[in-house]
Amino acid sequence: MVKMKINEEKNVCLIDIGGFVTKENINKFLKEYKENIKKIKPTKYKLIIHPKEFKTDEEDVIKTSFRKFLKTGFKKIFIVDALGLTDNIKLNKLERKFFFSRVKIVNSIEEALQD
């Protein structure tokens, strides 16, 4: 399951990820993501990615999704990582450095909203 919610009052885009995520789920989500992003000005929005425990049949699809999020141009990007999931992201040294220079890891949605 991958869902996106946009809160125009708080200028926040929230993406929830959980359960078993297939390539088909991600592709469907990315299509919806593209349509929703056209309706807002990403440079004024925070992106908060909230993964719950999830599994996927396609590691590269998750990396591709994160690349899209980075390229969209959000004002700030946060990952709520109370479970330590970012420790398992398979990135080479350069990708890791770039990723963590653009993305802030937080423990809760509330923490991301305060930043």
PDB file of N, CA and C in Angstrom:
ATOM      1  N   MET A   1       0.831  -1.175   0.000  1.00  0.00           N
ATOM      2  CA  MET A   1       0.000   0.000   0.000  1.00  0.00           C
ATOM      3  C   MET A   1       0.881   1.246   0.000  1.00  0.00           C
ATOM      4  N   VAL A   2       0.625   2.135  -0.913  1.00  0.00           N
ATOM      5  CA  VAL A   2       1.308   3.425  -0.980  1.00  0.00           C
ATOM      6  C   VAL A   2       0.228   4.471  -1.218  1.00  0.00           C
ATOM      7  N   LYS A   3       0.132   5.440  -0.292  1.00  0.00           N
ATOM      8  CA  LYS A   3      -0.893   6.479  -0.408  1.00  0.00           C
ATOM      9  C   LYS A   3      -0.261   7.849  -0.248  1.00  0.00           C
ATOM     10  N   MET A   4      -0.859   8.808  -0.922  1.00  0.00           N
ATOM     11  CA  MET A   4      -0.378  10.186  -0.860  1.00  0.00           C
ATOM     12  C   MET A   4      -1.515  11.105  -0.438  1.00  0.00           C
ATOM     13  N   LYS A   5      -1.194  11.994   0.517  1.00  0.00           N
ATOM     14  CA  LYS A   5      -2.161  13.001   0.959  1.00  0.00           C
ATOM     15  C   LYS A   5      -1.484  14.356   0.885  1.00  0.00           C
ATOM     16  N   ILE A   6      -2.221  15.343   0.409  1.00  0.00           N
ATOM     17  CA  ILE A   6      -1.687  16.701   0.343  1.00  0.00           C
ATOM     18  C   ILE A   6      -2.501  17.584   1.275  1.00  0.00           C
ATOM     19  N   ASN A   7      -1.805  18.270   2.186  1.00  0.00           N
ATOM     20  CA  ASN A   7      -2.439  19.214   3.088  1.00  0.00           C
ATOM     21  C   ASN A   7      -2.011  20.612   2.640  1.00  0.00           C
ATOM     22  N   GLU A   8      -2.915  21.306   1.960  1.00  0.00           N
ATOM     23  CA  GLU A   8      -2.589  22.616   1.404  1.00  0.00           C
ATOM     24  C   GLU A   8      -2.455  23.683   2.482  1.00  0.00           C
ATOM     25  N   GLU A   9      -3.146  23.511   3.619  1.00  0.00           N
ATOM     26  CA  GLU A   9      -3.048  24.465   4.726  1.00  0.00           C
ATOM     27  C   GLU A   9      -1.649  24.498   5.321  1.00  0.00           C
ATOM     28  N   LYS A  10      -1.072  23.308   5.508  1.00  0.00           N
ATOM     29  CA  LYS A  10       0.247  23.197   6.133  1.00  0.00           C
ATOM     30  C   LYS A  10       1.377  23.068   5.119  1.00  0.00           C
ATOM     31  N   ASN A  11       1.025  23.076   3.829  1.00  0.00           N
ATOM     32  CA  ASN A  11       2.009  22.884   2.754  1.00  0.00           C
ATOM     33  C   ASN A  11       2.819  21.612   2.975  1.00  0.00           C
ATOM     34  N   VAL A  12       2.093  20.520   3.147  1.00  0.00           N
ATOM     35  CA  VAL A  12       2.719  19.222   3.410  1.00  0.00           C
ATOM     36  C   VAL A  12       2.155  18.183   2.456  1.00  0.00           C
ATOM     37  N   CYS A  13       3.055  17.372   1.941  1.00  0.00           N
ATOM     38  CA  CYS A  13       2.683  16.214   1.141  1.00  0.00           C
ATOM     39  C   CYS A  13       3.132  15.000   1.946  1.00  0.00           C
ATOM     40  N   LEU A  14       2.205  14.126   2.308  1.00  0.00           N
ATOM     41  CA  LEU A  14       2.505  12.959   3.131  1.00  0.00           C
ATOM     42  C   LEU A  14       2.339  11.695   2.301  1.00  0.00           C
ATOM     43  N   ILE A  15       3.364  10.855   2.320  1.00  0.00           N
ATOM     44  CA  ILE A  15       3.302   9.570   1.619  1.00  0.00           C
ATOM     45  C   ILE A  15       3.427   8.465   2.647  1.00  0.00           C
ATOM     46  N   ASP A  16       2.403   7.611   2.725  1.00  0.00           N
ATOM     47  CA  ASP A  16       2.399   6.444   3.610  1.00  0.00           C
ATOM     48  C   ASP A  16       2.743   5.211   2.797  1.00  0.00           C
ATOM     49  N   ILE A  17       3.651   4.388   3.339  1.00  0.00           N
ATOM     50  CA  ILE A  17       4.037   3.136   2.688  1.00  0.00           C
ATOM     51  C   ILE A  17       3.919   2.028   3.723  1.00  0.00           C
ATOM     52  N   GLY A  18       3.240   0.940   3.364  1.00  0.00           N
ATOM     53  CA  GLY A  18       3.118  -0.168   4.305  1.00  0.00           C
ATOM     54  C   GLY A  18       2.628  -1.430   3.629  1.00  0.00           C
ATOM     55  N   GLY A  19       2.814  -2.563   4.304  1.00  0.00           N
ATOM     56  CA  GLY A  19       2.357  -3.851   3.778  1.00  0.00           C
ATOM     57  C   GLY A  19       3.285  -4.385   2.709  1.00  0.00           C
ATOM     58  N   PHE A  20       2.734  -5.157   1.786  1.00  0.00           N
ATOM     59  CA  PHE A  20       3.525  -5.707   0.680  1.00  0.00           C
ATOM     60  C   PHE A  20       3.357  -4.799  -0.525  1.00  0.00           C
ATOM     61  N   VAL A  21       4.451  -4.243  -0.998  1.00  0.00           N
ATOM     62  CA  VAL A  21       4.431  -3.284  -2.100  1.00  0.00           C
ATOM     63  C   VAL A  21       5.022  -3.953  -3.332  1.00  0.00           C
ATOM     64  N   THR A  22       4.201  -4.098  -4.362  1.00  0.00           N
ATOM     65  CA  THR A  22       4.655  -4.715  -5.604  1.00  0.00           C
ATOM     66  C   THR A  22       5.077  -3.636  -6.599  1.00  0.00           C
ATOM     67  N   LYS A  23       5.735  -4.061  -7.650  1.00  0.00           N
ATOM     68  CA  LYS A  23       6.129  -3.139  -8.719  1.00  0.00           C
ATOM     69  C   LYS A  23       4.879  -2.479  -9.309  1.00  0.00           C
ATOM     70  N   GLU A  24       3.825  -3.259  -9.449  1.00  0.00           N
ATOM     71  CA  GLU A  24       2.562  -2.737  -9.982  1.00  0.00           C
ATOM     72  C   GLU A  24       1.998  -1.644  -9.069  1.00  0.00           C
ATOM     73  N   ASN A  25       2.031  -1.876  -7.725  1.00  0.00           N
ATOM     74  CA  ASN A  25       1.560  -0.861  -6.773  1.00  0.00           C
ATOM     75  C   ASN A  25       2.343   0.440  -6.924  1.00  0.00           C
ATOM     76  N   ILE A  26       3.661   0.308  -7.009  1.00  0.00           N
ATOM     77  CA  ILE A  26       4.526   1.482  -7.112  1.00  0.00           C
ATOM     78  C   ILE A  26       4.265   2.228  -8.414  1.00  0.00           C
ATOM     79  N   ASN A  27       4.154   1.510  -9.511  1.00  0.00           N
ATOM     80  CA  ASN A  27       3.907   2.162 -10.802  1.00  0.00           C
ATOM     81  C   ASN A  27       2.571   2.903 -10.809  1.00  0.00           C
ATOM     82  N   LYS A  28       1.553   2.293 -10.213  1.00  0.00           N
ATOM     83  CA  LYS A  28       0.247   2.943 -10.110  1.00  0.00           C
ATOM     84  C   LYS A  28       0.363   4.194  -9.235  1.00  0.00           C
ATOM     85  N   PHE A  29       1.061   4.057  -8.110  1.00  0.00           N
ATOM     86  CA  PHE A  29       1.256   5.202  -7.221  1.00  0.00           C
ATOM     87  C   PHE A  29       2.011   6.327  -7.924  1.00  0.00           C
ATOM     88  N   LEU A  30       3.087   6.002  -8.645  1.00  0.00           N
ATOM     89  CA  LEU A  30       3.890   7.032  -9.304  1.00  0.00           C
ATOM     90  C   LEU A  30       3.085   7.796 -10.348  1.00  0.00           C
ATOM     91  N   LYS A  31       2.149   7.110 -10.987  1.00  0.00           N
ATOM     92  CA  LYS A  31       1.266   7.780 -11.945  1.00  0.00           C
ATOM     93  C   LYS A  31       0.370   8.797 -11.208  1.00  0.00           C
ATOM     94  N   GLU A  32      -0.199   8.369 -10.075  1.00  0.00           N
ATOM     95  CA  GLU A  32      -1.035   9.268  -9.265  1.00  0.00           C
ATOM     96  C   GLU A  32      -0.191  10.412  -8.699  1.00  0.00           C
ATOM     97  N   TYR A  33       1.019  10.081  -8.270  1.00  0.00           N
ATOM     98  CA  TYR A  33       1.945  11.077  -7.723  1.00  0.00           C
ATOM     99  C   TYR A  33       2.190  12.186  -8.747  1.00  0.00           C
ATOM    100  N   LYS A  34       2.483  11.786  -9.965  1.00  0.00           N
ATOM    101  CA  LYS A  34       2.755  12.745 -11.036  1.00  0.00           C
ATOM    102  C   LYS A  34       1.564  13.681 -11.249  1.00  0.00           C
ATOM    103  N   GLU A  35       0.361  13.126 -11.249  1.00  0.00           N
ATOM    104  CA  GLU A  35      -0.850  13.935 -11.434  1.00  0.00           C
ATOM    105  C   GLU A  35      -1.058  14.900 -10.263  1.00  0.00           C
ATOM    106  N   ASN A  36      -0.860  14.420  -9.027  1.00  0.00           N
ATOM    107  CA  ASN A  36      -1.057  15.260  -7.848  1.00  0.00           C
ATOM    108  C   ASN A  36      -0.025  16.380  -7.758  1.00  0.00           C
ATOM    109  N   ILE A  37       1.201  16.092  -8.142  1.00  0.00           N
ATOM    110  CA  ILE A  37       2.268  17.089  -8.062  1.00  0.00           C
ATOM    111  C   ILE A  37       2.007  18.253  -9.009  1.00  0.00           C
ATOM    112  N   LYS A  38       1.337  17.993 -10.112  1.00  0.00           N
ATOM    113  CA  LYS A  38       0.998  19.060 -11.064  1.00  0.00           C
ATOM    114  C   LYS A  38       0.080  20.106 -10.430  1.00  0.00           C
ATOM    115  N   LYS A  39      -0.655  19.715  -9.387  1.00  0.00           N
ATOM    116  CA  LYS A  39      -1.644  20.596  -8.760  1.00  0.00           C
ATOM    117  C   LYS A  39      -1.041  21.519  -7.706  1.00  0.00           C
ATOM    118  N   ILE A  40       0.221  21.292  -7.331  1.00  0.00           N
ATOM    119  CA  ILE A  40       0.847  22.096  -6.279  1.00  0.00           C
ATOM    120  C   ILE A  40       2.183  22.663  -6.771  1.00  0.00           C
ATOM    121  N   LYS A  41       2.763  23.521  -5.975  1.00  0.00           N
ATOM    122  CA  LYS A  41       4.106  24.050  -6.253  1.00  0.00           C
ATOM    123  C   LYS A  41       5.044  23.395  -5.227  1.00  0.00           C
ATOM    124  N   PRO A  42       5.729  22.304  -5.611  1.00  0.00           N
ATOM    125  CA  PRO A  42       6.531  21.525  -4.665  1.00  0.00           C
ATOM    126  C   PRO A  42       7.563  22.326  -3.876  1.00  0.00           C
ATOM    127  N   THR A  43       8.105  23.387  -4.456  1.00  0.00           N
ATOM    128  CA  THR A  43       9.132  24.170  -3.753  1.00  0.00           C
ATOM    129  C   THR A  43       8.588  24.843  -2.492  1.00  0.00           C
ATOM    130  N   LYS A  44       7.272  24.894  -2.341  1.00  0.00           N
ATOM    131  CA  LYS A  44       6.647  25.466  -1.150  1.00  0.00           C
ATOM    132  C   LYS A  44       6.194  24.387  -0.158  1.00  0.00           C
ATOM    133  N   TYR A  45       6.397  23.123  -0.516  1.00  0.00           N
ATOM    134  CA  TYR A  45       5.888  22.013   0.292  1.00  0.00           C
ATOM    135  C   TYR A  45       6.991  21.178   0.919  1.00  0.00           C
ATOM    136  N   LYS A  46       6.686  20.654   2.105  1.00  0.00           N
ATOM    137  CA  LYS A  46       7.520  19.630   2.727  1.00  0.00           C
ATOM    138  C   LYS A  46       6.981  18.282   2.274  1.00  0.00           C
ATOM    139  N   LEU A  47       7.874  17.367   1.994  1.00  0.00           N
ATOM    140  CA  LEU A  47       7.479  15.996   1.698  1.00  0.00           C
ATOM    141  C   LEU A  47       7.827  15.155   2.914  1.00  0.00           C
ATOM    142  N   ILE A  48       6.831  14.469   3.450  1.00  0.00           N
ATOM    143  CA  ILE A  48       7.050  13.579   4.587  1.00  0.00           C
ATOM    144  C   ILE A  48       6.717  12.165   4.133  1.00  0.00           C
ATOM    145  N   ILE A  49       7.727  11.299   4.158  1.00  0.00           N
ATOM    146  CA  ILE A  49       7.543   9.903   3.774  1.00  0.00           C
ATOM    147  C   ILE A  49       7.452   9.101   5.061  1.00  0.00           C
ATOM    148  N   HIS A  50       6.345   8.381   5.212  1.00  0.00           N
ATOM    149  CA  HIS A  50       6.071   7.659   6.446  1.00  0.00           C
ATOM    150  C   HIS A  50       5.950   6.161   6.172  1.00  0.00           C
ATOM    151  N   PRO A  51       7.102   5.479   6.152  1.00  0.00           N
ATOM    152  CA  PRO A  51       7.029   4.029   5.914  1.00  0.00           C
ATOM    153  C   PRO A  51       6.691   3.286   7.204  1.00  0.00           C
ATOM    154  N   LYS A  52       5.725   2.414   7.077  1.00  0.00           N
ATOM    155  CA  LYS A  52       5.456   1.476   8.163  1.00  0.00           C
ATOM    156  C   LYS A  52       6.169   0.206   7.728  1.00  0.00           C
ATOM    157  N   GLU A  53       6.071  -0.833   8.493  1.00  0.00           N
ATOM    158  CA  GLU A  53       6.756  -2.061   8.090  1.00  0.00           C
ATOM    159  C   GLU A  53       6.216  -2.516   6.741  1.00  0.00           C
ATOM    160  N   PHE A  54       7.115  -2.707   5.794  1.00  0.00           N
ATOM    161  CA  PHE A  54       6.687  -3.132   4.458  1.00  0.00           C
ATOM    162  C   PHE A  54       7.732  -4.028   3.827  1.00  0.00           C
ATOM    163  N   LYS A  55       7.273  -4.774   2.842  1.00  0.00           N
ATOM    164  CA  LYS A  55       8.147  -5.630   2.044  1.00  0.00           C
ATOM    165  C   LYS A  55       7.868  -5.322   0.585  1.00  0.00           C
ATOM    166  N   THR A  56       8.864  -5.618  -0.247  1.00  0.00           N
ATOM    167  CA  THR A  56       8.681  -5.374  -1.674  1.00  0.00           C
ATOM    168  C   THR A  56       9.327  -6.498  -2.465  1.00  0.00           C
ATOM    169  N   ASP A  57       8.804  -6.718  -3.657  1.00  0.00           N
ATOM    170  CA  ASP A  57       9.382  -7.731  -4.540  1.00  0.00           C
ATOM    171  C   ASP A  57      10.394  -7.107  -5.489  1.00  0.00           C
ATOM    172  N   GLU A  58      10.627  -5.808  -5.345  1.00  0.00           N
ATOM    173  CA  GLU A  58      11.462  -5.090  -6.299  1.00  0.00           C
ATOM    174  C   GLU A  58      12.203  -3.951  -5.605  1.00  0.00           C
ATOM    175  N   GLU A  59      13.432  -4.196  -5.153  1.00  0.00           N
ATOM    176  CA  GLU A  59      14.230  -3.178  -4.457  1.00  0.00           C
ATOM    177  C   GLU A  59      14.462  -1.944  -5.327  1.00  0.00           C
ATOM    178  N   ASP A  60      14.725  -2.120  -6.615  1.00  0.00           N
ATOM    179  CA  ASP A  60      15.033  -0.993  -7.492  1.00  0.00           C
ATOM    180  C   ASP A  60      13.858  -0.037  -7.649  1.00  0.00           C
ATOM    181  N   VAL A  61      12.648  -0.548  -7.516  1.00  0.00           N
ATOM    182  CA  VAL A  61      11.469   0.303  -7.663  1.00  0.00           C
ATOM    183  C   VAL A  61      11.427   1.330  -6.530  1.00  0.00           C
ATOM    184  N   ILE A  62      11.806   0.917  -5.336  1.00  0.00           N
ATOM    185  CA  ILE A  62      11.833   1.839  -4.200  1.00  0.00           C
ATOM    186  C   ILE A  62      12.886   2.929  -4.440  1.00  0.00           C
ATOM    187  N   LYS A  63      14.073   2.530  -4.902  1.00  0.00           N
ATOM    188  CA  LYS A  63      15.123   3.510  -5.198  1.00  0.00           C
ATOM    189  C   LYS A  63      14.661   4.485  -6.276  1.00  0.00           C
ATOM    190  N   THR A  64      14.022   3.970  -7.305  1.00  0.00           N
ATOM    191  CA  THR A  64      13.529   4.819  -8.388  1.00  0.00           C
ATOM    192  C   THR A  64      12.508   5.823  -7.856  1.00  0.00           C
ATOM    193  N   SER A  65      11.640   5.366  -6.970  1.00  0.00           N
ATOM    194  CA  SER A  65      10.629   6.251  -6.380  1.00  0.00           C
ATOM    195  C   SER A  65      11.293   7.384  -5.608  1.00  0.00           C
ATOM    196  N   PHE A  66      12.299   7.041  -4.792  1.00  0.00           N
ATOM    197  CA  PHE A  66      12.985   8.068  -4.022  1.00  0.00           C
ATOM    198  C   PHE A  66      13.701   9.058  -4.930  1.00  0.00           C
ATOM    199  N   ARG A  67      14.241   8.593  -6.034  1.00  0.00           N
ATOM    200  CA  ARG A  67      14.875   9.511  -6.992  1.00  0.00           C
ATOM    201  C   ARG A  67      13.851  10.509  -7.527  1.00  0.00           C
ATOM    202  N   LYS A  68      12.647  10.010  -7.827  1.00  0.00           N
ATOM    203  CA  LYS A  68      11.588  10.904  -8.312  1.00  0.00           C
ATOM    204  C   LYS A  68      11.264  11.957  -7.263  1.00  0.00           C
ATOM    205  N   PHE A  69      11.159  11.519  -6.000  1.00  0.00           N
ATOM    206  CA  PHE A  69      10.852  12.464  -4.927  1.00  0.00           C
ATOM    207  C   PHE A  69      11.936  13.542  -4.834  1.00  0.00           C
ATOM    208  N   LEU A  70      13.192  13.139  -4.940  1.00  0.00           N
ATOM    209  CA  LEU A  70      14.301  14.084  -4.859  1.00  0.00           C
ATOM    210  C   LEU A  70      14.276  15.065  -6.032  1.00  0.00           C
ATOM    211  N   LYS A  71      13.948  14.590  -7.213  1.00  0.00           N
ATOM    212  CA  LYS A  71      13.942  15.431  -8.420  1.00  0.00           C
ATOM    213  C   LYS A  71      12.762  16.398  -8.466  1.00  0.00           C
ATOM    214  N   THR A  72      11.715  16.116  -7.690  1.00  0.00           N
ATOM    215  CA  THR A  72      10.511  16.940  -7.740  1.00  0.00           C
ATOM    216  C   THR A  72      10.779  18.355  -7.241  1.00  0.00           C
ATOM    217  N   GLY A  73      11.729  18.525  -6.338  1.00  0.00           N
ATOM    218  CA  GLY A  73      12.080  19.865  -5.876  1.00  0.00           C
ATOM    219  C   GLY A  73      11.331  20.332  -4.643  1.00  0.00           C
ATOM    220  N   PHE A  74      10.988  19.422  -3.759  1.00  0.00           N
ATOM    221  CA  PHE A  74      10.312  19.820  -2.521  1.00  0.00           C
ATOM    222  C   PHE A  74      11.210  20.730  -1.690  1.00  0.00           C
ATOM    223  N   LYS A  75      10.568  21.588  -0.917  1.00  0.00           N
ATOM    224  CA  LYS A  75      11.282  22.505  -0.028  1.00  0.00           C
ATOM    225  C   LYS A  75      12.158  21.722   0.947  1.00  0.00           C
ATOM    226  N   LYS A  76      11.594  20.708   1.573  1.00  0.00           N
ATOM    227  CA  LYS A  76      12.317  19.820   2.481  1.00  0.00           C
ATOM    228  C   LYS A  76      11.733  18.421   2.347  1.00  0.00           C
ATOM    229  N   ILE A  77      12.580  17.414   2.570  1.00  0.00           N
ATOM    230  CA  ILE A  77      12.128  16.027   2.518  1.00  0.00           C
ATOM    231  C   ILE A  77      12.493  15.349   3.836  1.00  0.00           C
ATOM    232  N   PHE A  78      11.497  14.694   4.427  1.00  0.00           N
ATOM    233  CA  PHE A  78      11.688  13.984   5.688  1.00  0.00           C
ATOM    234  C   PHE A  78      11.270  12.530   5.526  1.00  0.00           C
ATOM    235  N   ILE A  79      11.965  11.660   6.215  1.00  0.00           N
ATOM    236  CA  ILE A  79      11.525  10.272   6.327  1.00  0.00           C
ATOM    237  C   ILE A  79      11.314  10.000   7.807  1.00  0.00           C
ATOM    238  N   VAL A  80      10.104   9.585   8.143  1.00  0.00           N
ATOM    239  CA  VAL A  80       9.802   9.187   9.518  1.00  0.00           C
ATOM    240  C   VAL A  80      10.308   7.763   9.659  1.00  0.00           C
ATOM    241  N   ASP A  81      11.315   7.585  10.495  1.00  0.00           N
ATOM    242  CA  ASP A  81      11.968   6.277  10.574  1.00  0.00           C
ATOM    243  C   ASP A  81      12.093   5.772  12.004  1.00  0.00           C
ATOM    244  N   ALA A  82      10.972   5.585  12.651  1.00  0.00           N
ATOM    245  CA  ALA A  82      10.981   5.058  14.012  1.00  0.00           C
ATOM    246  C   ALA A  82      11.412   3.590  14.040  1.00  0.00           C
ATOM    247  N   LEU A  83      11.325   2.891  12.896  1.00  0.00           N
ATOM    248  CA  LEU A  83      11.660   1.465  12.830  1.00  0.00           C
ATOM    249  C   LEU A  83      13.094   1.196  12.391  1.00  0.00           C
ATOM    250  N   GLY A  84      13.844   2.234  12.000  1.00  0.00           N
ATOM    251  CA  GLY A  84      15.217   2.042  11.539  1.00  0.00           C
ATOM    252  C   GLY A  84      15.302   1.469  10.135  1.00  0.00           C
ATOM    253  N   LEU A  85      14.303   1.731   9.305  1.00  0.00           N
ATOM    254  CA  LEU A  85      14.270   1.179   7.948  1.00  0.00           C
ATOM    255  C   LEU A  85      15.344   1.761   7.036  1.00  0.00           C
ATOM    256  N   THR A  86      15.759   3.005   7.283  1.00  0.00           N
ATOM    257  CA  THR A  86      16.754   3.618   6.396  1.00  0.00           C
ATOM    258  C   THR A  86      18.115   2.934   6.510  1.00  0.00           C
ATOM    259  N   ASP A  87      18.336   2.211   7.598  1.00  0.00           N
ATOM    260  CA  ASP A  87      19.589   1.459   7.736  1.00  0.00           C
ATOM    261  C   ASP A  87      19.696   0.373   6.671  1.00  0.00           C
ATOM    262  N   ASN A  88      18.558  -0.072   6.153  1.00  0.00           N
ATOM    263  CA  ASN A  88      18.524  -1.163   5.181  1.00  0.00           C
ATOM    264  C   ASN A  88      18.483  -0.705   3.728  1.00  0.00           C
ATOM    265  N   ILE A  89      18.509   0.621   3.500  1.00  0.00           N
ATOM    266  CA  ILE A  89      18.497   1.118   2.126  1.00  0.00           C
ATOM    267  C   ILE A  89      19.848   0.803   1.496  1.00  0.00           C
ATOM    268  N   LYS A  90      19.807   0.121   0.368  1.00  0.00           N
ATOM    269  CA  LYS A  90      21.042  -0.273  -0.313  1.00  0.00           C
ATOM    270  C   LYS A  90      21.463   0.806  -1.299  1.00  0.00           C
ATOM    271  N   LEU A  91      22.436   1.612  -0.860  1.00  0.00           N
ATOM    272  CA  LEU A  91      22.961   2.690  -1.693  1.00  0.00           C
ATOM    273  C   LEU A  91      24.479   2.602  -1.698  1.00  0.00           C
ATOM    274  N   ASN A  92      25.076   2.978  -2.825  1.00  0.00           N
ATOM    275  CA  ASN A  92      26.535   3.043  -2.815  1.00  0.00           C
ATOM    276  C   ASN A  92      26.947   4.307  -2.053  1.00  0.00           C
ATOM    277  N   LYS A  93      28.225   4.474  -1.835  1.00  0.00           N
ATOM    278  CA  LYS A  93      28.732   5.558  -0.988  1.00  0.00           C
ATOM    279  C   LYS A  93      28.300   6.943  -1.488  1.00  0.00           C
ATOM    280  N   LEU A  94      28.404   7.170  -2.797  1.00  0.00           N
ATOM    281  CA  LEU A  94      28.029   8.462  -3.368  1.00  0.00           C
ATOM    282  C   LEU A  94      26.521   8.700  -3.271  1.00  0.00           C
ATOM    283  N   GLU A  95      25.726   7.675  -3.599  1.00  0.00           N
ATOM    284  CA  GLU A  95      24.268   7.792  -3.490  1.00  0.00           C
ATOM    285  C   GLU A  95      23.865   8.098  -2.052  1.00  0.00           C
ATOM    286  N   ARG A  96      24.483   7.400  -1.104  1.00  0.00           N
ATOM    287  CA  ARG A  96      24.171   7.589   0.320  1.00  0.00           C
ATOM    288  C   ARG A  96      24.462   9.036   0.744  1.00  0.00           C
ATOM    289  N   LYS A  97      25.615   9.561   0.334  1.00  0.00           N
ATOM    290  CA  LYS A  97      25.999  10.921   0.693  1.00  0.00           C
ATOM    291  C   LYS A  97      24.992  11.928   0.128  1.00  0.00           C
ATOM    292  N   PHE A  98      24.640  11.779  -1.147  1.00  0.00           N
ATOM    293  CA  PHE A  98      23.678  12.679  -1.782  1.00  0.00           C
ATOM    294  C   PHE A  98      22.307  12.560  -1.124  1.00  0.00           C
ATOM    295  N   PHE A  99      21.860  11.326  -0.916  1.00  0.00           N
ATOM    296  CA  PHE A  99      20.539  11.081  -0.342  1.00  0.00           C
ATOM    297  C   PHE A  99      20.406  11.749   1.025  1.00  0.00           C
ATOM    298  N   PHE A 100      21.388  11.504   1.896  1.00  0.00           N
ATOM    299  CA  PHE A 100      21.285  12.025   3.251  1.00  0.00           C
ATOM    300  C   PHE A 100      21.623  13.511   3.357  1.00  0.00           C
ATOM    301  N   SER A 101      22.139  14.106   2.283  1.00  0.00           N
ATOM    302  CA  SER A 101      22.327  15.556   2.282  1.00  0.00           C
ATOM    303  C   SER A 101      21.010  16.263   1.952  1.00  0.00           C
ATOM    304  N   ARG A 102      20.102  15.561   1.325  1.00  0.00           N
ATOM    305  CA  ARG A 102      18.808  16.139   0.915  1.00  0.00           C
ATOM    306  C   ARG A 102      17.639  15.699   1.788  1.00  0.00           C
ATOM    307  N   VAL A 103      17.816  14.598   2.519  1.00  0.00           N
ATOM    308  CA  VAL A 103      16.719  14.000   3.279  1.00  0.00           C
ATOM    309  C   VAL A 103      17.060  14.002   4.763  1.00  0.00           C
ATOM    310  N   LYS A 104      16.110  14.449   5.575  1.00  0.00           N
ATOM    311  CA  LYS A 104      16.308  14.432   7.022  1.00  0.00           C
ATOM    312  C   LYS A 104      15.495  13.286   7.619  1.00  0.00           C
ATOM    313  N   ILE A 105      16.150  12.510   8.466  1.00  0.00           N
ATOM    314  CA  ILE A 105      15.482  11.395   9.142  1.00  0.00           C
ATOM    315  C   ILE A 105      14.930  11.910  10.463  1.00  0.00           C
ATOM    316  N   VAL A 106      13.640  11.661  10.700  1.00  0.00           N
ATOM    317  CA  VAL A 106      12.987  12.087  11.941  1.00  0.00           C
ATOM    318  C   VAL A 106      12.274  10.894  12.567  1.00  0.00           C
ATOM    319  N   ASN A 107      11.884  11.044  13.836  1.00  0.00           N
ATOM    320  CA  ASN A 107      11.226   9.953  14.555  1.00  0.00           C
ATOM    321  C   ASN A 107       9.711   9.980  14.478  1.00  0.00           C
ATOM    322  N   SER A 108       9.138  11.120  14.063  1.00  0.00           N
ATOM    323  CA  SER A 108       7.674  11.218  14.011  1.00  0.00           C
ATOM    324  C   SER A 108       7.248  12.264  12.983  1.00  0.00           C
ATOM    325  N   ILE A 109       5.998  12.188  12.593  1.00  0.00           N
ATOM    326  CA  ILE A 109       5.433  13.189  11.678  1.00  0.00           C
ATOM    327  C   ILE A 109       5.448  14.555  12.353  1.00  0.00           C
ATOM    328  N   GLU A 110       5.155  14.577  13.636  1.00  0.00           N
ATOM    329  CA  GLU A 110       5.134  15.834  14.387  1.00  0.00           C
ATOM    330  C   GLU A 110       6.498  16.532  14.337  1.00  0.00           C
ATOM    331  N   GLU A 111       7.569  15.744  14.471  1.00  0.00           N
ATOM    332  CA  GLU A 111       8.918  16.307  14.400  1.00  0.00           C
ATOM    333  C   GLU A 111       9.169  16.934  13.027  1.00  0.00           C
ATOM    334  N   ALA A 112       8.725  16.293  11.983  1.00  0.00           N
ATOM    335  CA  ALA A 112       8.893  16.831  10.629  1.00  0.00           C
ATOM    336  C   ALA A 112       8.087  18.114  10.449  1.00  0.00           C
ATOM    337  N   LEU A 113       6.898  18.164  11.001  1.00  0.00           N
ATOM    338  CA  LEU A 113       6.055  19.351  10.870  1.00  0.00           C
ATOM    339  C   LEU A 113       6.644  20.552  11.596  1.00  0.00           C
ATOM    340  N   GLN A 114       7.380  20.305  12.683  1.00  0.00           N
ATOM    341  CA  GLN A 114       7.978  21.407  13.458  1.00  0.00           C
ATOM    342  C   GLN A 114       9.203  21.989  12.781  1.00  0.00           C
ATOM    343  N   ASP A 115       9.885  21.205  11.968  1.00  0.00           N
ATOM    344  CA  ASP A 115      11.133  21.654  11.335  1.00  0.00           C
ATOM    345  C   ASP A 115      10.861  22.642  10.224  1.00  0.00           C
TER     346      ASP A 115
END
